[in-house]
């Protein structure tokens, strides 16, 4: 029997895979070149307080233009980036601070939940919210807001950052205490192990000494017989 040939991959699966590679490649490119994109005055605007306000719509548009200008060879390194294994999250760690945009999105997102144009069919056949469409629409709205309209969200983000920093101080102190306690417990465990080892050695040494001191009964009886024979031989000679 010949070996079974592997089934050819369906067109939809291969298309989806190509799409995933393209998306991840673009995202890798965007994150690596974020500092360059932000330099554009249309993307970053400075407020009167000296804070930077970012236009996310313009940011993605500029990134897309830069990505499209690259050749296939220049895109390859971004597509073949290996994903690093993420460290398991500590459940006790404080929640990271939200950005102004994410606070705005959290406020506006429920409004799009029941809108038909922002719905899509799920794998199980039921209808649900199209997250990508909703985020894109909210990003567009955010970019159209004036600086004054964005100020309350930046204020909330700043407040949340202060909360995070305070929580982190408490969290670090707690972790330091836990480390000290673990270190002390480890030292005690090693000390107990050492003491138990010494006791065991002493017991073994004592047993060896006792064995050396004892004279076997067979040897002592044979010695007595020898002494009796010697006495009898002496008396005969006399």
C-alpha atoms as a PDB file:
ATOM      1  CA  UNK A   1       0.000   0.000   0.000  1.00  0.00           C
ATOM      2  CA  UNK A   2       1.365   3.376  -0.964  1.00  0.00           C
ATOM      3  CA  UNK A   3       1.524   6.300   1.426  1.00  0.00           C
ATOM      4  CA  UNK A   4      -1.554   8.466   1.628  1.00  0.00           C
ATOM      5  CA  UNK A   5      -1.102  11.859   0.045  1.00  0.00           C
ATOM      6  CA  UNK A   6      -1.816  14.828   2.309  1.00  0.00           C
ATOM      7  CA  UNK A   7      -5.036  16.634   1.509  1.00  0.00           C
ATOM      8  CA  UNK A   8      -4.546  19.951  -0.299  1.00  0.00           C
ATOM      9  CA  UNK A   9      -5.249  22.955   1.926  1.00  0.00           C
ATOM     10  CA  UNK A  10      -8.572  24.600   1.195  1.00  0.00           C
ATOM     11  CA  UNK A  11      -8.483  28.000  -0.506  1.00  0.00           C
ATOM     12  CA  UNK A  12     -10.235  29.698   2.397  1.00  0.00           C
ATOM     13  CA  UNK A  13      -7.664  28.372   4.903  1.00  0.00           C
ATOM     14  CA  UNK A  14      -4.693  29.390   2.745  1.00  0.00           C
ATOM     15  CA  UNK A  15      -6.210  32.846   2.218  1.00  0.00           C
ATOM     16  CA  UNK A  16      -6.784  33.237   5.945  1.00  0.00           C
ATOM     17  CA  UNK A  17      -3.186  32.205   6.674  1.00  0.00           C
ATOM     18  CA  UNK A  18      -1.829  34.725   4.160  1.00  0.00           C
ATOM     19  CA  UNK A  19      -4.043  37.391   5.687  1.00  0.00           C
ATOM     20  CA  UNK A  20      -2.819  36.571   9.224  1.00  0.00           C
ATOM     21  CA  UNK A  21       0.831  36.762   8.098  1.00  0.00           C
ATOM     22  CA  UNK A  22       0.141  40.102   6.400  1.00  0.00           C
ATOM     23  CA  UNK A  23      -1.588  41.550   9.444  1.00  0.00           C
ATOM     24  CA  UNK A  24       1.089  40.396  11.925  1.00  0.00           C
ATOM     25  CA  UNK A  25       3.826  41.644   9.576  1.00  0.00           C
ATOM     26  CA  UNK A  26       2.188  45.073   9.347  1.00  0.00           C
ATOM     27  CA  UNK A  27       1.695  45.251  13.141  1.00  0.00           C
ATOM     28  CA  UNK A  28       5.364  44.322  13.731  1.00  0.00           C
ATOM     29  CA  UNK A  29       6.408  47.010  11.241  1.00  0.00           C
ATOM     30  CA  UNK A  30       4.128  49.591  12.898  1.00  0.00           C
ATOM     31  CA  UNK A  31       5.399  48.925  16.432  1.00  0.00           C
ATOM     32  CA  UNK A  32       9.057  49.082  15.332  1.00  0.00           C
ATOM     33  CA  UNK A  33       8.549  52.339  13.398  1.00  0.00           C
ATOM     34  CA  UNK A  34       6.145  54.005  15.863  1.00  0.00           C
ATOM     35  CA  UNK A  35       8.776  56.553  16.961  1.00  0.00           C
ATOM     36  CA  UNK A  36       9.231  57.701  13.318  1.00  0.00           C
ATOM     37  CA  UNK A  37       5.476  57.892  12.623  1.00  0.00           C
ATOM     38  CA  UNK A  38       4.873  59.952  15.783  1.00  0.00           C
ATOM     39  CA  UNK A  39       7.335  62.634  14.568  1.00  0.00           C
ATOM     40  CA  UNK A  40       4.761  63.780  11.983  1.00  0.00           C
ATOM     41  CA  UNK A  41       3.131  67.015  13.301  1.00  0.00           C
ATOM     42  CA  UNK A  42      -0.257  65.823  11.972  1.00  0.00           C
ATOM     43  CA  UNK A  43      -0.006  62.742  14.215  1.00  0.00           C
ATOM     44  CA  UNK A  44       1.314  64.383  17.394  1.00  0.00           C
ATOM     45  CA  UNK A  45       0.014  67.684  18.716  1.00  0.00           C
ATOM     46  CA  UNK A  46       1.152  69.398  21.883  1.00  0.00           C
ATOM     47  CA  UNK A  47      -1.451  70.859  24.247  1.00  0.00           C
ATOM     48  CA  UNK A  48      -1.077  74.063  26.283  1.00  0.00           C
ATOM     49  CA  UNK A  49      -0.132  71.951  29.318  1.00  0.00           C
ATOM     50  CA  UNK A  50       2.799  70.503  27.359  1.00  0.00           C
ATOM     51  CA  UNK A  51       1.193  67.080  26.919  1.00  0.00           C
ATOM     52  CA  UNK A  52       1.243  65.182  23.618  1.00  0.00           C
ATOM     53  CA  UNK A  53      -2.088  64.262  21.986  1.00  0.00           C
ATOM     54  CA  UNK A  54      -1.987  61.582  19.270  1.00  0.00           C
ATOM     55  CA  UNK A  55      -4.212  61.301  16.214  1.00  0.00           C
ATOM     56  CA  UNK A  56      -4.559  57.496  15.933  1.00  0.00           C
ATOM     57  CA  UNK A  57      -6.336  57.620  12.580  1.00  0.00           C
ATOM     58  CA  UNK A  58      -3.507  59.617  10.980  1.00  0.00           C
ATOM     59  CA  UNK A  59      -0.980  57.356  12.734  1.00  0.00           C
ATOM     60  CA  UNK A  60      -2.424  54.185  11.088  1.00  0.00           C
ATOM     61  CA  UNK A  61      -2.787  55.941   7.712  1.00  0.00           C
ATOM     62  CA  UNK A  62       0.895  56.964   7.736  1.00  0.00           C
ATOM     63  CA  UNK A  63       1.934  53.447   8.817  1.00  0.00           C
ATOM     64  CA  UNK A  64      -0.105  51.896   5.972  1.00  0.00           C
ATOM     65  CA  UNK A  65       1.499  54.244   3.402  1.00  0.00           C
ATOM     66  CA  UNK A  66       4.990  53.375   4.663  1.00  0.00           C
ATOM     67  CA  UNK A  67       4.145  49.638   4.612  1.00  0.00           C
ATOM     68  CA  UNK A  68       2.798  49.801   1.029  1.00  0.00           C
ATOM     69  CA  UNK A  69       5.988  51.545  -0.163  1.00  0.00           C
ATOM     70  CA  UNK A  70       8.113  48.570   0.980  1.00  0.00           C
ATOM     71  CA  UNK A  71       9.025  45.789  -1.441  1.00  0.00           C
ATOM     72  CA  UNK A  72       8.224  42.114  -0.699  1.00  0.00           C
ATOM     73  CA  UNK A  73      11.859  41.558   0.267  1.00  0.00           C
ATOM     74  CA  UNK A  74      11.776  44.443   2.759  1.00  0.00           C
ATOM     75  CA  UNK A  75       8.498  43.124   4.264  1.00  0.00           C
ATOM     76  CA  UNK A  76       9.861  39.594   4.806  1.00  0.00           C
ATOM     77  CA  UNK A  77      11.803  40.263   8.088  1.00  0.00           C
ATOM     78  CA  UNK A  78       8.638  41.647   9.719  1.00  0.00           C
ATOM     79  CA  UNK A  79       6.557  38.649   8.622  1.00  0.00           C
ATOM     80  CA  UNK A  80       9.023  36.080   9.998  1.00  0.00           C
ATOM     81  CA  UNK A  81       9.292  37.512  13.488  1.00  0.00           C
ATOM     82  CA  UNK A  82       9.171  34.744  16.115  1.00  0.00           C
ATOM     83  CA  UNK A  83       6.737  35.289  18.937  1.00  0.00           C
ATOM     84  CA  UNK A  84       8.270  35.319  22.382  1.00  0.00           C
ATOM     85  CA  UNK A  85       6.705  33.152  25.027  1.00  0.00           C
ATOM     86  CA  UNK A  86       4.795  35.325  27.411  1.00  0.00           C
ATOM     87  CA  UNK A  87       5.458  35.008  31.108  1.00  0.00           C
ATOM     88  CA  UNK A  88       2.442  33.898  33.112  1.00  0.00           C
ATOM     89  CA  UNK A  89       0.602  36.884  34.554  1.00  0.00           C
ATOM     90  CA  UNK A  90       0.623  37.354  38.305  1.00  0.00           C
ATOM     91  CA  UNK A  91      -3.027  37.467  39.461  1.00  0.00           C
ATOM     92  CA  UNK A  92      -2.004  39.771  42.347  1.00  0.00           C
ATOM     93  CA  UNK A  93      -0.398  42.335  40.013  1.00  0.00           C
ATOM     94  CA  UNK A  94      -2.321  45.634  39.718  1.00  0.00           C
ATOM     95  CA  UNK A  95      -4.243  46.386  36.528  1.00  0.00           C
ATOM     96  CA  UNK A  96      -2.262  48.470  34.025  1.00  0.00           C
ATOM     97  CA  UNK A  97      -3.400  52.065  33.456  1.00  0.00           C
ATOM     98  CA  UNK A  98      -5.743  52.799  30.550  1.00  0.00           C
ATOM     99  CA  UNK A  99      -4.933  55.338  27.840  1.00  0.00           C
ATOM    100  CA  UNK A 100      -7.283  58.219  27.002  1.00  0.00           C
ATOM    101  CA  UNK A 101      -8.366  56.449  23.807  1.00  0.00           C
ATOM    102  CA  UNK A 102      -9.175  53.171  25.585  1.00  0.00           C
ATOM    103  CA  UNK A 103     -11.240  55.019  28.203  1.00  0.00           C
ATOM    104  CA  UNK A 104     -13.142  56.732  25.364  1.00  0.00           C
ATOM    105  CA  UNK A 105     -13.595  53.399  23.567  1.00  0.00           C
ATOM    106  CA  UNK A 106     -14.901  51.708  26.723  1.00  0.00           C
ATOM    107  CA  UNK A 107     -17.476  54.501  27.027  1.00  0.00           C
ATOM    108  CA  UNK A 108     -18.650  54.376  23.385  1.00  0.00           C
ATOM    109  CA  UNK A 109     -18.408  50.651  22.596  1.00  0.00           C
ATOM    110  CA  UNK A 110     -21.715  49.515  24.216  1.00  0.00           C
ATOM    111  CA  UNK A 111     -23.606  51.870  21.866  1.00  0.00           C
ATOM    112  CA  UNK A 112     -22.523  49.835  18.815  1.00  0.00           C
ATOM    113  CA  UNK A 113     -23.458  46.470  20.330  1.00  0.00           C
ATOM    114  CA  UNK A 114     -26.954  46.202  18.778  1.00  0.00           C
ATOM    115  CA  UNK A 115     -26.301  48.107  15.514  1.00  0.00           C
ATOM    116  CA  UNK A 116     -26.785  45.841  12.478  1.00  0.00           C
ATOM    117  CA  UNK A 117     -23.958  47.363  10.440  1.00  0.00           C
ATOM    118  CA  UNK A 118     -21.511  46.437  13.246  1.00  0.00           C
ATOM    119  CA  UNK A 119     -22.696  42.818  13.543  1.00  0.00           C
ATOM    120  CA  UNK A 120     -21.148  39.669  12.069  1.00  0.00           C
ATOM    121  CA  UNK A 121     -21.941  35.969  11.963  1.00  0.00           C
ATOM    122  CA  UNK A 122     -20.025  33.838  14.474  1.00  0.00           C
ATOM    123  CA  UNK A 123     -18.785  30.256  13.967  1.00  0.00           C
ATOM    124  CA  UNK A 124     -21.770  28.847  15.849  1.00  0.00           C
ATOM    125  CA  UNK A 125     -24.161  30.665  13.467  1.00  0.00           C
ATOM    126  CA  UNK A 126     -25.262  33.365  15.939  1.00  0.00           C
ATOM    127  CA  UNK A 127     -24.814  37.085  15.330  1.00  0.00           C
ATOM    128  CA  UNK A 128     -22.352  39.079  17.412  1.00  0.00           C
ATOM    129  CA  UNK A 129     -20.462  42.360  17.515  1.00  0.00           C
ATOM    130  CA  UNK A 130     -17.760  42.876  14.851  1.00  0.00           C
ATOM    131  CA  UNK A 131     -14.960  44.095  17.128  1.00  0.00           C
ATOM    132  CA  UNK A 132     -12.636  45.184  14.303  1.00  0.00           C
ATOM    133  CA  UNK A 133     -15.337  47.383  12.707  1.00  0.00           C
ATOM    134  CA  UNK A 134     -16.355  48.898  16.045  1.00  0.00           C
ATOM    135  CA  UNK A 135     -12.752  49.755  17.011  1.00  0.00           C
ATOM    136  CA  UNK A 136     -12.108  51.290  13.566  1.00  0.00           C
ATOM    137  CA  UNK A 137     -15.242  53.455  13.838  1.00  0.00           C
ATOM    138  CA  UNK A 138     -14.424  54.603  17.385  1.00  0.00           C
ATOM    139  CA  UNK A 139     -10.839  55.372  16.292  1.00  0.00           C
ATOM    140  CA  UNK A 140     -12.235  57.535  13.507  1.00  0.00           C
ATOM    141  CA  UNK A 141     -14.507  59.376  15.957  1.00  0.00           C
ATOM    142  CA  UNK A 142     -11.618  59.886  18.373  1.00  0.00           C
ATOM    143  CA  UNK A 143      -9.510  61.444  15.621  1.00  0.00           C
ATOM    144  CA  UNK A 144     -12.324  63.871  14.804  1.00  0.00           C
ATOM    145  CA  UNK A 145     -12.601  65.114  18.420  1.00  0.00           C
ATOM    146  CA  UNK A 146     -11.109  68.501  19.231  1.00  0.00           C
ATOM    147  CA  UNK A 147      -8.333  68.875  21.828  1.00  0.00           C
ATOM    148  CA  UNK A 148     -10.815  70.307  24.349  1.00  0.00           C
ATOM    149  CA  UNK A 149     -13.127  67.328  23.859  1.00  0.00           C
ATOM    150  CA  UNK A 150     -10.227  64.917  24.467  1.00  0.00           C
ATOM    151  CA  UNK A 151      -9.046  66.692  27.649  1.00  0.00           C
ATOM    152  CA  UNK A 152     -11.459  64.881  30.098  1.00  0.00           C
ATOM    153  CA  UNK A 153     -10.263  61.483  28.840  1.00  0.00           C
ATOM    154  CA  UNK A 154      -6.611  62.463  29.182  1.00  0.00           C
ATOM    155  CA  UNK A 155      -7.385  63.634  32.737  1.00  0.00           C
ATOM    156  CA  UNK A 156      -8.987  60.249  33.532  1.00  0.00           C
ATOM    157  CA  UNK A 157      -5.961  58.469  32.033  1.00  0.00           C
ATOM    158  CA  UNK A 158      -3.586  60.569  34.186  1.00  0.00           C
ATOM    159  CA  UNK A 159      -5.649  59.742  37.292  1.00  0.00           C
ATOM    160  CA  UNK A 160      -5.572  56.047  36.432  1.00  0.00           C
ATOM    161  CA  UNK A 161      -1.786  56.231  35.996  1.00  0.00           C
ATOM    162  CA  UNK A 162      -1.431  57.661  39.523  1.00  0.00           C
ATOM    163  CA  UNK A 163      -3.653  54.829  40.826  1.00  0.00           C
ATOM    164  CA  UNK A 164      -1.457  52.256  39.064  1.00  0.00           C
ATOM    165  CA  UNK A 165       1.777  53.732  40.473  1.00  0.00           C
ATOM    166  CA  UNK A 166       0.378  53.682  44.032  1.00  0.00           C
ATOM    167  CA  UNK A 167      -0.860  50.107  43.603  1.00  0.00           C
ATOM    168  CA  UNK A 168       2.547  49.092  42.231  1.00  0.00           C
ATOM    169  CA  UNK A 169       4.313  50.470  45.328  1.00  0.00           C
ATOM    170  CA  UNK A 170       2.097  48.326  47.579  1.00  0.00           C
ATOM    171  CA  UNK A 171       2.547  45.326  45.251  1.00  0.00           C
ATOM    172  CA  UNK A 172       6.380  45.633  45.202  1.00  0.00           C
ATOM    173  CA  UNK A 173       6.516  45.888  49.011  1.00  0.00           C
ATOM    174  CA  UNK A 174       4.351  42.784  49.303  1.00  0.00           C
ATOM    175  CA  UNK A 175       6.568  40.891  46.840  1.00  0.00           C
ATOM    176  CA  UNK A 176       9.742  41.936  48.711  1.00  0.00           C
ATOM    177  CA  UNK A 177       8.262  40.647  51.994  1.00  0.00           C
ATOM    178  CA  UNK A 178       7.317  37.376  50.292  1.00  0.00           C
ATOM    179  CA  UNK A 179      10.868  37.022  48.934  1.00  0.00           C
ATOM    180  CA  UNK A 180      12.375  37.569  52.413  1.00  0.00           C
ATOM    181  CA  UNK A 181       9.951  35.041  53.940  1.00  0.00           C
ATOM    182  CA  UNK A 182      10.751  32.493  51.211  1.00  0.00           C
ATOM    183  CA  UNK A 183      14.507  33.069  51.726  1.00  0.00           C
ATOM    184  CA  UNK A 184      14.201  32.547  55.501  1.00  0.00           C
ATOM    185  CA  UNK A 185      12.073  29.426  55.023  1.00  0.00           C
ATOM    186  CA  UNK A 186      14.649  28.030  52.561  1.00  0.00           C
ATOM    187  CA  UNK A 187      17.487  28.708  55.028  1.00  0.00           C
ATOM    188  CA  UNK A 188      15.580  26.962  57.842  1.00  0.00           C
ATOM    189  CA  UNK A 189      14.899  23.983  55.583  1.00  0.00           C
ATOM    190  CA  UNK A 190      18.588  23.690  54.656  1.00  0.00           C
ATOM    191  CA  UNK A 191      19.616  24.060  58.328  1.00  0.00           C
ATOM    192  CA  UNK A 192      17.230  21.297  59.423  1.00  0.00           C
ATOM    193  CA  UNK A 193      18.520  19.079  56.624  1.00  0.00           C
ATOM    194  CA  UNK A 194      22.119  19.690  57.752  1.00  0.00           C
ATOM    195  CA  UNK A 195      21.321  18.899  61.414  1.00  0.00           C
ATOM    196  CA  UNK A 196      19.461  15.714  60.419  1.00  0.00           C
ATOM    197  CA  UNK A 197      22.465  14.644  58.316  1.00  0.00           C
ATOM    198  CA  UNK A 198      24.881  15.206  61.223  1.00  0.00           C
ATOM    199  CA  UNK A 199      22.659  13.200  63.601  1.00  0.00           C
ATOM    200  CA  UNK A 200      22.515  10.352  61.120  1.00  0.00           C
ATOM    201  CA  UNK A 201      26.314  10.344  60.804  1.00  0.00           C
ATOM    202  CA  UNK A 202      26.735  10.264  64.594  1.00  0.00           C
ATOM    203  CA  UNK A 203      24.318   7.325  64.904  1.00  0.00           C
ATOM    204  CA  UNK A 204      26.213   5.376  62.217  1.00  0.00           C
ATOM    205  CA  UNK A 205      29.550   6.130  63.931  1.00  0.00           C
ATOM    206  CA  UNK A 206      28.188   4.956  67.335  1.00  0.00           C
ATOM    207  CA  UNK A 207      26.916   1.698  65.836  1.00  0.00           C
ATOM    208  CA  UNK A 208      30.352   1.033  64.269  1.00  0.00           C
ATOM    209  CA  UNK A 209      32.104   1.616  67.643  1.00  0.00           C
ATOM    210  CA  UNK A 210      29.739  -0.790  69.431  1.00  0.00           C
ATOM    211  CA  UNK A 211      30.388  -3.502  66.832  1.00  0.00           C
ATOM    212  CA  UNK A 212      34.163  -3.136  67.313  1.00  0.00           C
ATOM    213  CA  UNK A 213      33.904  -3.391  71.151  1.00  0.00           C
ATOM    214  CA  UNK A 214      31.743  -6.551  71.114  1.00  0.00           C
ATOM    215  CA  UNK A 215      33.634  -9.919  71.092  1.00  0.00           C
ATOM    216  CA  UNK A 216      31.843 -12.717  69.273  1.00  0.00           C
ATOM    217  CA  UNK A 217      30.689 -15.647  71.559  1.00  0.00           C
ATOM    218  CA  UNK A 218      32.191 -18.270  69.258  1.00  0.00           C
ATOM    219  CA  UNK A 219      35.651 -16.717  69.589  1.00  0.00           C
ATOM    220  CA  UNK A 220      35.438 -16.461  73.409  1.00  0.00           C
ATOM    221  CA  UNK A 221      34.341 -20.140  73.803  1.00  0.00           C
ATOM    222  CA  UNK A 222      37.188 -21.353  71.574  1.00  0.00           C
ATOM    223  CA  UNK A 223      39.665 -19.353  73.678  1.00  0.00           C
ATOM    224  CA  UNK A 224      38.336 -21.049  76.892  1.00  0.00           C
ATOM    225  CA  UNK A 225      38.797 -24.495  75.357  1.00  0.00           C
ATOM    226  CA  UNK A 226      42.376 -23.650  74.388  1.00  0.00           C
ATOM    227  CA  UNK A 227      43.206 -22.563  77.971  1.00  0.00           C
ATOM    228  CA  UNK A 228      41.730 -25.820  79.431  1.00  0.00           C
ATOM    229  CA  UNK A 229      43.816 -27.959  77.043  1.00  0.00           C
ATOM    230  CA  UNK A 230      46.995 -26.062  77.993  1.00  0.00           C
ATOM    231  CA  UNK A 231      46.361 -26.646  81.730  1.00  0.00           C
ATOM    232  CA  UNK A 232      45.818 -30.374  81.229  1.00  0.00           C
ATOM    233  CA  UNK A 233      49.022 -30.727  79.206  1.00  0.00           C
ATOM    234  CA  UNK A 234      50.985 -28.931  81.945  1.00  0.00           C
ATOM    235  CA  UNK A 235      49.687 -31.288  84.645  1.00  0.00           C
ATOM    236  CA  UNK A 236      50.602 -34.390  82.553  1.00  0.00           C
ATOM    237  CA  UNK A 237      54.150 -33.225  82.116  1.00  0.00           C
ATOM    238  CA  UNK A 238      54.500 -32.817  85.901  1.00  0.00           C
END
